[in-house]
Amino acid sequence: MTILLPLLAFLFIALIVGAAAMMMAPAGGAMVEQRLGEIRGARVMLGGVEATEERRDAVMKAVKRLGRAMPAPQREVGKLRERLIWAGYRGKEAIVVFSGLRIAFSMICFVALGTPILFRPNVLIALAAAGVGYVVPGFLLARAAKRRQHRIRLSLPDALDLLVVSVEAGLGLDQAVQRVGDELAAAHPELSEELRLINLEMRAGKERSEALRNLGERTGVDDVASLVATLIQTDKFGTSVAQSLRIHSEVLRTKRRQRAEEAAAKTGVKMVFPLVLCVFPAVWIVTIGPAAIKFIQVLFPMANK
């Protein structure tokens, strides 16, 4: 055991040094791109804001390089891509950037606790911190996805009301979706962005049913999935779109009220632990403390006699 710990520390530090060397190494096409930029007359960016953008781009390139060097396991790629899409990160290199950030955060935690920078170095604590640093970005991503889904769920009844008004005013479903996406840009930007993507996909040649199904998959919200199923069935059987949307809007408002009532009913149970751990001890000290002190002062002399 005494030989294994230094060996593990040496291997981890060697891994950190190798990763840092790979991040600092110039890319193969960097010099060519620089020369082409000079030929095209690209000016060198100066100033505070531009310098900050340059540093941000340099950090992002380093993170991407680290993510490509240590990619996520293949069994996690599908689930990780789904969580990134739910959180609103749909870029092609989102998985690479997330993998690089996860590795970089793990290395930072190991270096902070494995070297005498902040605390006394301890290999076991440093390895544990590296493991925690590797896991924490996943929890933060899941939390961001849940927050975005919650915002979409809350904004859906308002969007349905606008859809009903637009359809009853004579607009087609495609034009109504586009109009609602434009109207909700300030109040509900997440849902507005998703509705605009529906129009972009249909303009690119996808069918309306496929674009709607993609909406349900991108958001991961059960209410959106039920809305998508309602719109697809309405389009397939030729029923009234406005009436279907109105009924679905009433159902969603009922569900939202039921969720609020459920959360209110859980409040009493959730308050038990803070009351028992924080409030009751203080009340006991205030009420029983003086009596206990008086009891000790009276009985202890009697016991000594």
C-alpha atoms as a PDB file:
ATOM      1  CA  MET A   1       0.000   0.000   0.000  1.00  0.00           C
ATOM      2  CA  THR A   2       2.831   2.400   0.790  1.00  0.00           C
ATOM      3  CA  ILE A   3       4.354   1.761  -2.662  1.00  0.00           C
ATOM      4  CA  LEU A   4       1.015   1.886  -4.527  1.00  0.00           C
ATOM      5  CA  LEU A   5      -0.003   5.385  -3.434  1.00  0.00           C
ATOM      6  CA  PRO A   6       3.163   7.156  -4.680  1.00  0.00           C
ATOM      7  CA  LEU A   7       2.908   5.175  -7.927  1.00  0.00           C
ATOM      8  CA  LEU A   8      -0.700   6.278  -8.460  1.00  0.00           C
ATOM      9  CA  ALA A   9       0.242   9.877  -7.681  1.00  0.00           C
ATOM     10  CA  PHE A  10       3.128   9.727 -10.170  1.00  0.00           C
ATOM     11  CA  LEU A  11       0.882   8.287 -12.903  1.00  0.00           C
ATOM     12  CA  PHE A  12      -1.826  10.907 -12.334  1.00  0.00           C
ATOM     13  CA  ILE A  13       0.674  13.792 -12.341  1.00  0.00           C
ATOM     14  CA  ALA A  14       2.240  12.384 -15.521  1.00  0.00           C
ATOM     15  CA  LEU A  15      -1.240  12.298 -17.069  1.00  0.00           C
ATOM     16  CA  ILE A  16      -1.809  15.930 -16.098  1.00  0.00           C
ATOM     17  CA  VAL A  17       1.551  16.979 -17.576  1.00  0.00           C
ATOM     18  CA  GLY A  18       0.823  15.095 -20.799  1.00  0.00           C
ATOM     19  CA  ALA A  19      -2.617  16.642 -21.130  1.00  0.00           C
ATOM     20  CA  ALA A  20      -1.193  20.126 -20.495  1.00  0.00           C
ATOM     21  CA  ALA A  21       1.463  19.515 -23.144  1.00  0.00           C
ATOM     22  CA  MET A  22      -1.192  18.466 -25.644  1.00  0.00           C
ATOM     23  CA  MET A  23      -3.269  21.561 -24.888  1.00  0.00           C
ATOM     24  CA  MET A  24      -0.295  23.885 -25.266  1.00  0.00           C
ATOM     25  CA  ALA A  25       0.974  22.228 -28.431  1.00  0.00           C
ATOM     26  CA  PRO A  26       0.127  24.225 -31.564  1.00  0.00           C
ATOM     27  CA  ALA A  27      -2.378  22.665 -33.931  1.00  0.00           C
ATOM     28  CA  GLY A  28      -1.249  21.548 -37.371  1.00  0.00           C
ATOM     29  CA  GLY A  29      -3.346  24.045 -39.317  1.00  0.00           C
ATOM     30  CA  ALA A  30      -2.896  26.986 -36.934  1.00  0.00           C
ATOM     31  CA  MET A  31       0.121  28.398 -38.786  1.00  0.00           C
ATOM     32  CA  VAL A  32      -1.576  27.984 -42.157  1.00  0.00           C
ATOM     33  CA  GLU A  33      -4.711  29.774 -40.931  1.00  0.00           C
ATOM     34  CA  GLN A  34      -2.563  32.571 -39.522  1.00  0.00           C
ATOM     35  CA  ARG A  35      -0.761  33.034 -42.824  1.00  0.00           C
ATOM     36  CA  LEU A  36      -4.048  33.015 -44.761  1.00  0.00           C
ATOM     37  CA  GLY A  37      -5.420  35.616 -42.384  1.00  0.00           C
ATOM     38  CA  GLU A  38      -2.412  37.827 -43.003  1.00  0.00           C
ATOM     39  CA  ILE A  39      -2.833  37.457 -46.761  1.00  0.00           C
ATOM     40  CA  ARG A  40      -6.524  38.385 -46.559  1.00  0.00           C
ATOM     41  CA  GLY A  41      -5.577  41.444 -44.565  1.00  0.00           C
ATOM     42  CA  ALA A  42      -7.119  40.289 -41.292  1.00  0.00           C
ATOM     43  CA  ARG A  43      -6.219  42.746 -38.611  1.00  0.00           C
ATOM     44  CA  VAL A  44      -4.946  41.747 -35.204  1.00  0.00           C
ATOM     45  CA  MET A  45      -7.655  42.190 -32.571  1.00  0.00           C
ATOM     46  CA  LEU A  46      -6.681  44.627 -29.845  1.00  0.00           C
ATOM     47  CA  GLY A  47      -8.463  46.206 -26.914  1.00  0.00           C
ATOM     48  CA  GLY A  48     -10.025  44.930 -23.733  1.00  0.00           C
ATOM     49  CA  VAL A  49     -13.118  43.230 -25.160  1.00  0.00           C
ATOM     50  CA  GLU A  50     -11.315  41.718 -28.125  1.00  0.00           C
ATOM     51  CA  ALA A  51      -8.477  40.466 -25.918  1.00  0.00           C
ATOM     52  CA  THR A  52     -11.046  38.842 -23.633  1.00  0.00           C
ATOM     53  CA  GLU A  53     -12.644  37.145 -26.631  1.00  0.00           C
ATOM     54  CA  GLU A  54      -9.236  35.898 -27.739  1.00  0.00           C
ATOM     55  CA  ARG A  55      -8.556  34.433 -24.309  1.00  0.00           C
ATOM     56  CA  ARG A  56     -11.984  32.827 -24.257  1.00  0.00           C
ATOM     57  CA  ASP A  57     -11.389  31.303 -27.679  1.00  0.00           C
ATOM     58  CA  ALA A  58      -7.989  30.024 -26.555  1.00  0.00           C
ATOM     59  CA  VAL A  59      -9.537  28.420 -23.469  1.00  0.00           C
ATOM     60  CA  MET A  60     -12.288  26.837 -25.559  1.00  0.00           C
ATOM     61  CA  LYS A  61      -9.746  25.443 -28.018  1.00  0.00           C
ATOM     62  CA  ALA A  62      -7.745  23.982 -25.138  1.00  0.00           C
ATOM     63  CA  VAL A  63     -10.884  22.448 -23.630  1.00  0.00           C
ATOM     64  CA  LYS A  64     -11.903  20.966 -26.993  1.00  0.00           C
ATOM     65  CA  ARG A  65      -8.426  19.533 -27.471  1.00  0.00           C
ATOM     66  CA  LEU A  66      -8.571  17.957 -24.033  1.00  0.00           C
ATOM     67  CA  GLY A  67     -12.053  16.593 -24.744  1.00  0.00           C
ATOM     68  CA  ARG A  68     -10.871  15.018 -28.000  1.00  0.00           C
ATOM     69  CA  ALA A  69      -7.851  13.520 -26.261  1.00  0.00           C
ATOM     70  CA  MET A  70     -10.012  11.992 -23.485  1.00  0.00           C
ATOM     71  CA  PRO A  71     -13.507  11.506 -24.960  1.00  0.00           C
ATOM     72  CA  ALA A  72     -16.517  10.293 -23.018  1.00  0.00           C
ATOM     73  CA  PRO A  73     -17.154   6.519 -22.925  1.00  0.00           C
ATOM     74  CA  GLN A  74     -19.233   5.238 -25.812  1.00  0.00           C
ATOM     75  CA  ARG A  75     -21.930   3.891 -23.492  1.00  0.00           C
ATOM     76  CA  GLU A  76     -22.506   7.415 -22.139  1.00  0.00           C
ATOM     77  CA  VAL A  77     -22.467   9.332 -25.436  1.00  0.00           C
ATOM     78  CA  GLY A  78     -26.160   8.876 -26.250  1.00  0.00           C
ATOM     79  CA  LYS A  79     -27.409   9.779 -22.784  1.00  0.00           C
ATOM     80  CA  LEU A  80     -24.963  12.679 -22.537  1.00  0.00           C
ATOM     81  CA  ARG A  81     -26.063  14.094 -25.898  1.00  0.00           C
ATOM     82  CA  GLU A  82     -29.696  13.840 -24.794  1.00  0.00           C
ATOM     83  CA  ARG A  83     -28.990  15.745 -21.571  1.00  0.00           C
ATOM     84  CA  LEU A  84     -27.074  18.418 -23.442  1.00  0.00           C
ATOM     85  CA  ILE A  85     -29.973  18.887 -25.868  1.00  0.00           C
ATOM     86  CA  TRP A  86     -32.429  19.087 -22.965  1.00  0.00           C
ATOM     87  CA  ALA A  87     -30.223  21.762 -21.378  1.00  0.00           C
ATOM     88  CA  GLY A  88     -30.194  23.739 -24.655  1.00  0.00           C
ATOM     89  CA  TYR A  89     -26.696  22.849 -25.943  1.00  0.00           C
ATOM     90  CA  ARG A  90     -27.227  21.517 -29.449  1.00  0.00           C
ATOM     91  CA  GLY A  91     -23.844  22.292 -30.989  1.00  0.00           C
ATOM     92  CA  LYS A  92     -21.869  19.643 -32.827  1.00  0.00           C
ATOM     93  CA  GLU A  93     -18.991  19.893 -30.362  1.00  0.00           C
ATOM     94  CA  ALA A  94     -21.108  20.086 -27.204  1.00  0.00           C
ATOM     95  CA  ILE A  95     -20.054  16.603 -26.074  1.00  0.00           C
ATOM     96  CA  VAL A  96     -16.392  17.391 -26.744  1.00  0.00           C
ATOM     97  CA  VAL A  97     -16.574  20.631 -24.761  1.00  0.00           C
ATOM     98  CA  PHE A  98     -18.383  18.955 -21.861  1.00  0.00           C
ATOM     99  CA  SER A  99     -15.868  16.102 -21.757  1.00  0.00           C
ATOM    100  CA  GLY A 100     -12.996  18.591 -21.768  1.00  0.00           C
ATOM    101  CA  LEU A 101     -14.571  20.649 -18.972  1.00  0.00           C
ATOM    102  CA  ARG A 102     -15.128  17.534 -16.902  1.00  0.00           C
ATOM    103  CA  ILE A 103     -11.520  16.385 -17.269  1.00  0.00           C
ATOM    104  CA  ALA A 104     -10.174  19.897 -16.652  1.00  0.00           C
ATOM    105  CA  PHE A 105     -12.262  20.329 -13.481  1.00  0.00           C
ATOM    106  CA  SER A 106     -11.105  16.942 -12.219  1.00  0.00           C
ATOM    107  CA  MET A 107      -7.465  17.894 -12.802  1.00  0.00           C
ATOM    108  CA  ILE A 108      -7.923  21.249 -11.088  1.00  0.00           C
ATOM    109  CA  CYS A 109      -9.399  19.549  -8.016  1.00  0.00           C
ATOM    110  CA  PHE A 110      -6.519  17.060  -7.914  1.00  0.00           C
ATOM    111  CA  VAL A 111      -3.864  19.746  -8.279  1.00  0.00           C
ATOM    112  CA  ALA A 112      -5.535  21.953  -5.642  1.00  0.00           C
ATOM    113  CA  LEU A 113      -5.541  19.183  -3.012  1.00  0.00           C
ATOM    114  CA  GLY A 114      -2.557  17.137  -4.186  1.00  0.00           C
ATOM    115  CA  THR A 115      -0.013  19.970  -4.049  1.00  0.00           C
ATOM    116  CA  PRO A 116       0.834  22.306  -1.140  1.00  0.00           C
ATOM    117  CA  ILE A 117      -1.011  25.252  -2.717  1.00  0.00           C
ATOM    118  CA  LEU A 118      -3.994  25.468  -0.379  1.00  0.00           C
ATOM    119  CA  PHE A 119      -3.704  22.582   2.075  1.00  0.00           C
ATOM    120  CA  ARG A 120      -1.286  19.928   3.194  1.00  0.00           C
ATOM    121  CA  PRO A 121      -1.024  17.470   0.284  1.00  0.00           C
ATOM    122  CA  ASN A 122      -2.739  14.123   0.658  1.00  0.00           C
ATOM    123  CA  VAL A 123      -2.865  11.643  -2.214  1.00  0.00           C
ATOM    124  CA  LEU A 124      -6.060   9.882  -1.112  1.00  0.00           C
ATOM    125  CA  ILE A 125      -7.939  13.149  -0.585  1.00  0.00           C
ATOM    126  CA  ALA A 126      -6.641  14.445  -3.926  1.00  0.00           C
ATOM    127  CA  LEU A 127      -7.831  11.324  -5.758  1.00  0.00           C
ATOM    128  CA  ALA A 128     -11.222  11.583  -4.046  1.00  0.00           C
ATOM    129  CA  ALA A 129     -11.429  15.263  -5.043  1.00  0.00           C
ATOM    130  CA  ALA A 130     -10.552  14.342  -8.630  1.00  0.00           C
ATOM    131  CA  GLY A 131     -13.397  11.815  -8.656  1.00  0.00           C
ATOM    132  CA  VAL A 132     -15.807  14.377  -7.259  1.00  0.00           C
ATOM    133  CA  GLY A 133     -14.617  16.941  -9.796  1.00  0.00           C
ATOM    134  CA  TYR A 134     -15.308  14.431 -12.577  1.00  0.00           C
ATOM    135  CA  VAL A 135     -18.870  13.770 -11.359  1.00  0.00           C
ATOM    136  CA  VAL A 136     -19.966  17.313 -10.398  1.00  0.00           C
ATOM    137  CA  PRO A 137     -20.322  18.668 -14.000  1.00  0.00           C
ATOM    138  CA  GLY A 138     -22.780  15.869 -14.741  1.00  0.00           C
ATOM    139  CA  PHE A 139     -24.967  16.905 -11.795  1.00  0.00           C
ATOM    140  CA  LEU A 140     -24.786  20.548 -12.877  1.00  0.00           C
ATOM    141  CA  LEU A 141     -25.804  19.593 -16.421  1.00  0.00           C
ATOM    142  CA  ALA A 142     -28.757  17.538 -15.157  1.00  0.00           C
ATOM    143  CA  ARG A 143     -29.836  20.442 -12.933  1.00  0.00           C
ATOM    144  CA  ALA A 144     -29.630  22.886 -15.864  1.00  0.00           C
ATOM    145  CA  ALA A 145     -31.725  20.523 -18.006  1.00  0.00           C
ATOM    146  CA  LYS A 146     -34.388  20.220 -15.284  1.00  0.00           C
ATOM    147  CA  ARG A 147     -34.554  24.006 -14.861  1.00  0.00           C
ATOM    148  CA  ARG A 148     -35.000  24.505 -18.603  1.00  0.00           C
ATOM    149  CA  GLN A 149     -37.683  21.805 -18.772  1.00  0.00           C
ATOM    150  CA  HIS A 150     -39.487  23.448 -15.846  1.00  0.00           C
ATOM    151  CA  ARG A 151     -39.470  26.820 -17.610  1.00  0.00           C
ATOM    152  CA  ILE A 152     -40.819  25.229 -20.811  1.00  0.00           C
ATOM    153  CA  ARG A 153     -43.532  23.438 -18.831  1.00  0.00           C
ATOM    154  CA  LEU A 154     -44.649  26.680 -17.187  1.00  0.00           C
ATOM    155  CA  SER A 155     -44.721  28.606 -20.477  1.00  0.00           C
ATOM    156  CA  LEU A 156     -46.681  25.988 -22.410  1.00  0.00           C
ATOM    157  CA  PRO A 157     -50.257  27.082 -21.413  1.00  0.00           C
ATOM    158  CA  ASP A 158     -49.557  30.658 -22.525  1.00  0.00           C
ATOM    159  CA  ALA A 159     -48.227  29.385 -25.832  1.00  0.00           C
ATOM    160  CA  LEU A 160     -51.314  27.248 -26.315  1.00  0.00           C
ATOM    161  CA  ASP A 161     -53.597  30.231 -25.681  1.00  0.00           C
ATOM    162  CA  LEU A 162     -51.729  32.230 -28.321  1.00  0.00           C
ATOM    163  CA  LEU A 163     -51.934  29.276 -30.714  1.00  0.00           C
ATOM    164  CA  VAL A 164     -55.701  29.053 -30.216  1.00  0.00           C
ATOM    165  CA  VAL A 165     -56.134  32.784 -30.878  1.00  0.00           C
ATOM    166  CA  SER A 166     -53.913  32.634 -33.970  1.00  0.00           C
ATOM    167  CA  VAL A 167     -55.665  29.597 -35.433  1.00  0.00           C
ATOM    168  CA  GLU A 168     -59.133  31.021 -34.767  1.00  0.00           C
ATOM    169  CA  ALA A 169     -58.023  34.262 -36.429  1.00  0.00           C
ATOM    170  CA  GLY A 170     -57.491  32.351 -39.683  1.00  0.00           C
ATOM    171  CA  LEU A 171     -53.788  31.449 -39.650  1.00  0.00           C
ATOM    172  CA  GLY A 172     -52.600  27.992 -40.571  1.00  0.00           C
ATOM    173  CA  LEU A 173     -50.868  25.841 -38.001  1.00  0.00           C
ATOM    174  CA  ASP A 174     -47.407  26.507 -39.447  1.00  0.00           C
ATOM    175  CA  GLN A 175     -47.930  30.264 -39.532  1.00  0.00           C
ATOM    176  CA  ALA A 176     -49.478  30.184 -36.057  1.00  0.00           C
ATOM    177  CA  VAL A 177     -46.459  28.350 -34.645  1.00  0.00           C
ATOM    178  CA  GLN A 178     -44.140  30.896 -36.263  1.00  0.00           C
ATOM    179  CA  ARG A 179     -46.185  33.819 -34.915  1.00  0.00           C
ATOM    180  CA  VAL A 180     -46.289  32.370 -31.386  1.00  0.00           C
ATOM    181  CA  GLY A 181     -42.535  31.765 -31.489  1.00  0.00           C
ATOM    182  CA  ASP A 182     -41.984  35.423 -32.372  1.00  0.00           C
ATOM    183  CA  GLU A 183     -44.401  36.674 -29.702  1.00  0.00           C
ATOM    184  CA  LEU A 184     -42.856  34.587 -26.902  1.00  0.00           C
ATOM    185  CA  ALA A 185     -39.250  35.595 -27.637  1.00  0.00           C
ATOM    186  CA  ALA A 186     -39.098  38.037 -24.707  1.00  0.00           C
ATOM    187  CA  ALA A 187     -41.300  36.287 -22.139  1.00  0.00           C
ATOM    188  CA  HIS A 188     -40.375  32.639 -22.764  1.00  0.00           C
ATOM    189  CA  PRO A 189     -37.180  32.439 -24.853  1.00  0.00           C
ATOM    190  CA  GLU A 190     -36.697  28.672 -24.422  1.00  0.00           C
ATOM    191  CA  LEU A 191     -40.074  27.702 -25.857  1.00  0.00           C
ATOM    192  CA  SER A 192     -39.786  30.421 -28.508  1.00  0.00           C
ATOM    193  CA  GLU A 193     -36.508  28.936 -29.699  1.00  0.00           C
ATOM    194  CA  GLU A 194     -38.022  25.453 -29.905  1.00  0.00           C
ATOM    195  CA  LEU A 195     -41.017  26.697 -31.898  1.00  0.00           C
ATOM    196  CA  ARG A 196     -38.747  28.517 -34.313  1.00  0.00           C
ATOM    197  CA  LEU A 197     -36.776  25.329 -34.850  1.00  0.00           C
ATOM    198  CA  ILE A 198     -39.999  23.620 -35.947  1.00  0.00           C
ATOM    199  CA  ASN A 199     -40.414  26.159 -38.748  1.00  0.00           C
ATOM    200  CA  LEU A 200     -36.771  25.860 -39.755  1.00  0.00           C
ATOM    201  CA  GLU A 201     -37.046  22.071 -40.002  1.00  0.00           C
ATOM    202  CA  MET A 202     -40.213  22.283 -42.093  1.00  0.00           C
ATOM    203  CA  ARG A 203     -38.573  24.837 -44.394  1.00  0.00           C
ATOM    204  CA  ALA A 204     -35.651  22.440 -44.760  1.00  0.00           C
ATOM    205  CA  GLY A 205     -38.022  19.776 -46.099  1.00  0.00           C
ATOM    206  CA  LYS A 206     -39.109  17.740 -43.084  1.00  0.00           C
ATOM    207  CA  GLU A 207     -42.719  16.763 -42.619  1.00  0.00           C
ATOM    208  CA  ARG A 208     -44.771  18.488 -39.956  1.00  0.00           C
ATOM    209  CA  SER A 209     -45.225  15.280 -37.928  1.00  0.00           C
ATOM    210  CA  GLU A 210     -41.480  14.624 -37.905  1.00  0.00           C
ATOM    211  CA  ALA A 211     -40.711  18.203 -36.875  1.00  0.00           C
ATOM    212  CA  LEU A 212     -43.236  17.960 -34.048  1.00  0.00           C
ATOM    213  CA  ARG A 213     -41.771  14.666 -32.851  1.00  0.00           C
ATOM    214  CA  ASN A 214     -38.330  16.277 -32.829  1.00  0.00           C
ATOM    215  CA  LEU A 215     -39.775  19.009 -30.606  1.00  0.00           C
ATOM    216  CA  GLY A 216     -40.853  16.423 -28.052  1.00  0.00           C
ATOM    217  CA  GLU A 217     -37.454  14.714 -28.159  1.00  0.00           C
ATOM    218  CA  ARG A 218     -35.514  17.987 -27.833  1.00  0.00           C
ATOM    219  CA  THR A 219     -37.399  19.216 -24.803  1.00  0.00           C
ATOM    220  CA  GLY A 220     -37.947  15.971 -22.901  1.00  0.00           C
ATOM    221  CA  VAL A 221     -41.115  17.427 -21.317  1.00  0.00           C
ATOM    222  CA  ASP A 222     -44.107  15.114 -20.983  1.00  0.00           C
ATOM    223  CA  ASP A 223     -46.595  17.953 -21.564  1.00  0.00           C
ATOM    224  CA  VAL A 224     -44.893  18.843 -24.839  1.00  0.00           C
ATOM    225  CA  ALA A 225     -44.966  15.182 -25.879  1.00  0.00           C
ATOM    226  CA  SER A 226     -48.719  15.013 -25.233  1.00  0.00           C
ATOM    227  CA  LEU A 227     -49.203  18.245 -27.209  1.00  0.00           C
ATOM    228  CA  VAL A 228     -47.216  16.793 -30.094  1.00  0.00           C
ATOM    229  CA  ALA A 229     -49.364  13.641 -30.067  1.00  0.00           C
ATOM    230  CA  THR A 230     -52.528  15.783 -30.063  1.00  0.00           C
ATOM    231  CA  LEU A 231     -51.371  17.893 -33.030  1.00  0.00           C
ATOM    232  CA  ILE A 232     -50.308  14.827 -35.029  1.00  0.00           C
ATOM    233  CA  GLN A 233     -53.664  13.105 -34.426  1.00  0.00           C
ATOM    234  CA  THR A 234     -55.539  16.298 -35.302  1.00  0.00           C
ATOM    235  CA  ASP A 235     -53.603  16.629 -38.544  1.00  0.00           C
ATOM    236  CA  LYS A 236     -54.113  12.970 -39.379  1.00  0.00           C
ATOM    237  CA  PHE A 237     -57.892  12.774 -38.739  1.00  0.00           C
ATOM    238  CA  GLY A 238     -58.749  16.298 -39.905  1.00  0.00           C
ATOM    239  CA  THR A 239     -60.417  17.493 -36.703  1.00  0.00           C
ATOM    240  CA  SER A 240     -60.556  21.102 -35.533  1.00  0.00           C
ATOM    241  CA  VAL A 241     -57.114  22.327 -34.484  1.00  0.00           C
ATOM    242  CA  ALA A 242     -58.454  25.233 -32.408  1.00  0.00           C
ATOM    243  CA  GLN A 243     -60.840  23.045 -30.430  1.00  0.00           C
ATOM    244  CA  SER A 244     -58.150  20.435 -29.765  1.00  0.00           C
ATOM    245  CA  LEU A 245     -55.677  23.095 -28.611  1.00  0.00           C
ATOM    246  CA  ARG A 246     -58.281  24.711 -26.349  1.00  0.00           C
ATOM    247  CA  ILE A 247     -59.095  21.397 -24.664  1.00  0.00           C
ATOM    248  CA  HIS A 248     -55.416  20.567 -24.301  1.00  0.00           C
ATOM    249  CA  SER A 249     -54.741  24.011 -22.808  1.00  0.00           C
ATOM    250  CA  GLU A 250     -57.427  23.438 -20.163  1.00  0.00           C
ATOM    251  CA  VAL A 251     -55.907  20.037 -19.360  1.00  0.00           C
ATOM    252  CA  LEU A 252     -52.431  21.562 -18.954  1.00  0.00           C
ATOM    253  CA  ARG A 253     -53.754  24.284 -16.658  1.00  0.00           C
ATOM    254  CA  THR A 254     -55.462  21.627 -14.552  1.00  0.00           C
ATOM    255  CA  LYS A 255     -52.203  19.679 -14.349  1.00  0.00           C
ATOM    256  CA  ARG A 256     -50.304  22.803 -13.339  1.00  0.00           C
ATOM    257  CA  ARG A 257     -52.823  23.518 -10.581  1.00  0.00           C
ATOM    258  CA  GLN A 258     -52.566  19.920  -9.375  1.00  0.00           C
ATOM    259  CA  ARG A 259     -48.771  20.176  -9.297  1.00  0.00           C
ATOM    260  CA  ALA A 260     -49.020  23.350  -7.211  1.00  0.00           C
ATOM    261  CA  GLU A 261     -51.404  21.650  -4.797  1.00  0.00           C
ATOM    262  CA  GLU A 262     -49.103  18.646  -4.565  1.00  0.00           C
ATOM    263  CA  ALA A 263     -46.112  20.875  -3.814  1.00  0.00           C
ATOM    264  CA  ALA A 264     -48.128  22.696  -1.152  1.00  0.00           C
ATOM    265  CA  ALA A 265     -49.136  19.386   0.428  1.00  0.00           C
ATOM    266  CA  LYS A 266     -45.487  18.311   0.613  1.00  0.00           C
ATOM    267  CA  THR A 267     -44.457  21.495   2.398  1.00  0.00           C
ATOM    268  CA  GLY A 268     -45.491  20.237   5.834  1.00  0.00           C
ATOM    269  CA  VAL A 269     -43.446  17.065   5.478  1.00  0.00           C
ATOM    270  CA  LYS A 270     -40.413  18.973   4.219  1.00  0.00           C
ATOM    271  CA  MET A 271     -40.569  21.366   7.167  1.00  0.00           C
ATOM    272  CA  VAL A 272     -40.348  18.548   9.730  1.00  0.00           C
ATOM    273  CA  PHE A 273     -36.578  18.118   9.414  1.00  0.00           C
ATOM    274  CA  PRO A 274     -35.672  21.849   9.728  1.00  0.00           C
ATOM    275  CA  LEU A 275     -38.009  22.142  12.704  1.00  0.00           C
ATOM    276  CA  VAL A 276     -36.572  19.098  14.467  1.00  0.00           C
ATOM    277  CA  LEU A 277     -32.938  19.919  13.742  1.00  0.00           C
ATOM    278  CA  CYS A 278     -32.945  23.729  14.043  1.00  0.00           C
ATOM    279  CA  VAL A 279     -35.990  25.130  15.850  1.00  0.00           C
ATOM    280  CA  PHE A 280     -36.770  22.522  18.512  1.00  0.00           C
ATOM    281  CA  PRO A 281     -33.245  22.429  20.036  1.00  0.00           C
ATOM    282  CA  ALA A 282     -33.316  26.205  20.481  1.00  0.00           C
ATOM    283  CA  VAL A 283     -36.803  26.045  22.042  1.00  0.00           C
ATOM    284  CA  TRP A 284     -35.673  23.290  24.415  1.00  0.00           C
ATOM    285  CA  ILE A 285     -32.626  25.253  25.468  1.00  0.00           C
ATOM    286  CA  VAL A 286     -34.711  28.378  26.153  1.00  0.00           C
ATOM    287  CA  THR A 287     -37.499  26.565  28.041  1.00  0.00           C
ATOM    288  CA  ILE A 288     -35.710  23.698  29.801  1.00  0.00           C
ATOM    289  CA  GLY A 289     -32.241  25.239  30.089  1.00  0.00           C
ATOM    290  CA  PRO A 290     -32.863  27.459  33.172  1.00  0.00           C
ATOM    291  CA  ALA A 291     -34.719  24.664  34.971  1.00  0.00           C
ATOM    292  CA  ALA A 292     -31.908  22.222  34.222  1.00  0.00           C
ATOM    293  CA  ILE A 293     -29.294  24.654  35.536  1.00  0.00           C
ATOM    294  CA  LYS A 294     -31.326  25.208  38.729  1.00  0.00           C
ATOM    295  CA  PHE A 295     -31.796  21.462  39.072  1.00  0.00           C
ATOM    296  CA  ILE A 296     -28.043  20.872  38.834  1.00  0.00           C
ATOM    297  CA  GLN A 297     -27.278  23.647  41.315  1.00  0.00           C
ATOM    298  CA  VAL A 298     -29.682  22.165  43.891  1.00  0.00           C
ATOM    299  CA  LEU A 299     -29.057  18.432  43.497  1.00  0.00           C
ATOM    300  CA  PHE A 300     -25.290  18.320  43.053  1.00  0.00           C
ATOM    301  CA  PRO A 301     -24.527  19.804  46.503  1.00  0.00           C
ATOM    302  CA  MET A 302     -26.984  17.341  48.034  1.00  0.00           C
ATOM    303  CA  ALA A 303     -25.300  14.431  46.281  1.00  0.00           C
ATOM    304  CA  ASN A 304     -21.871  15.574  47.488  1.00  0.00           C
ATOM    305  CA  LYS A 305     -23.094  15.608  51.096  1.00  0.00           C
END
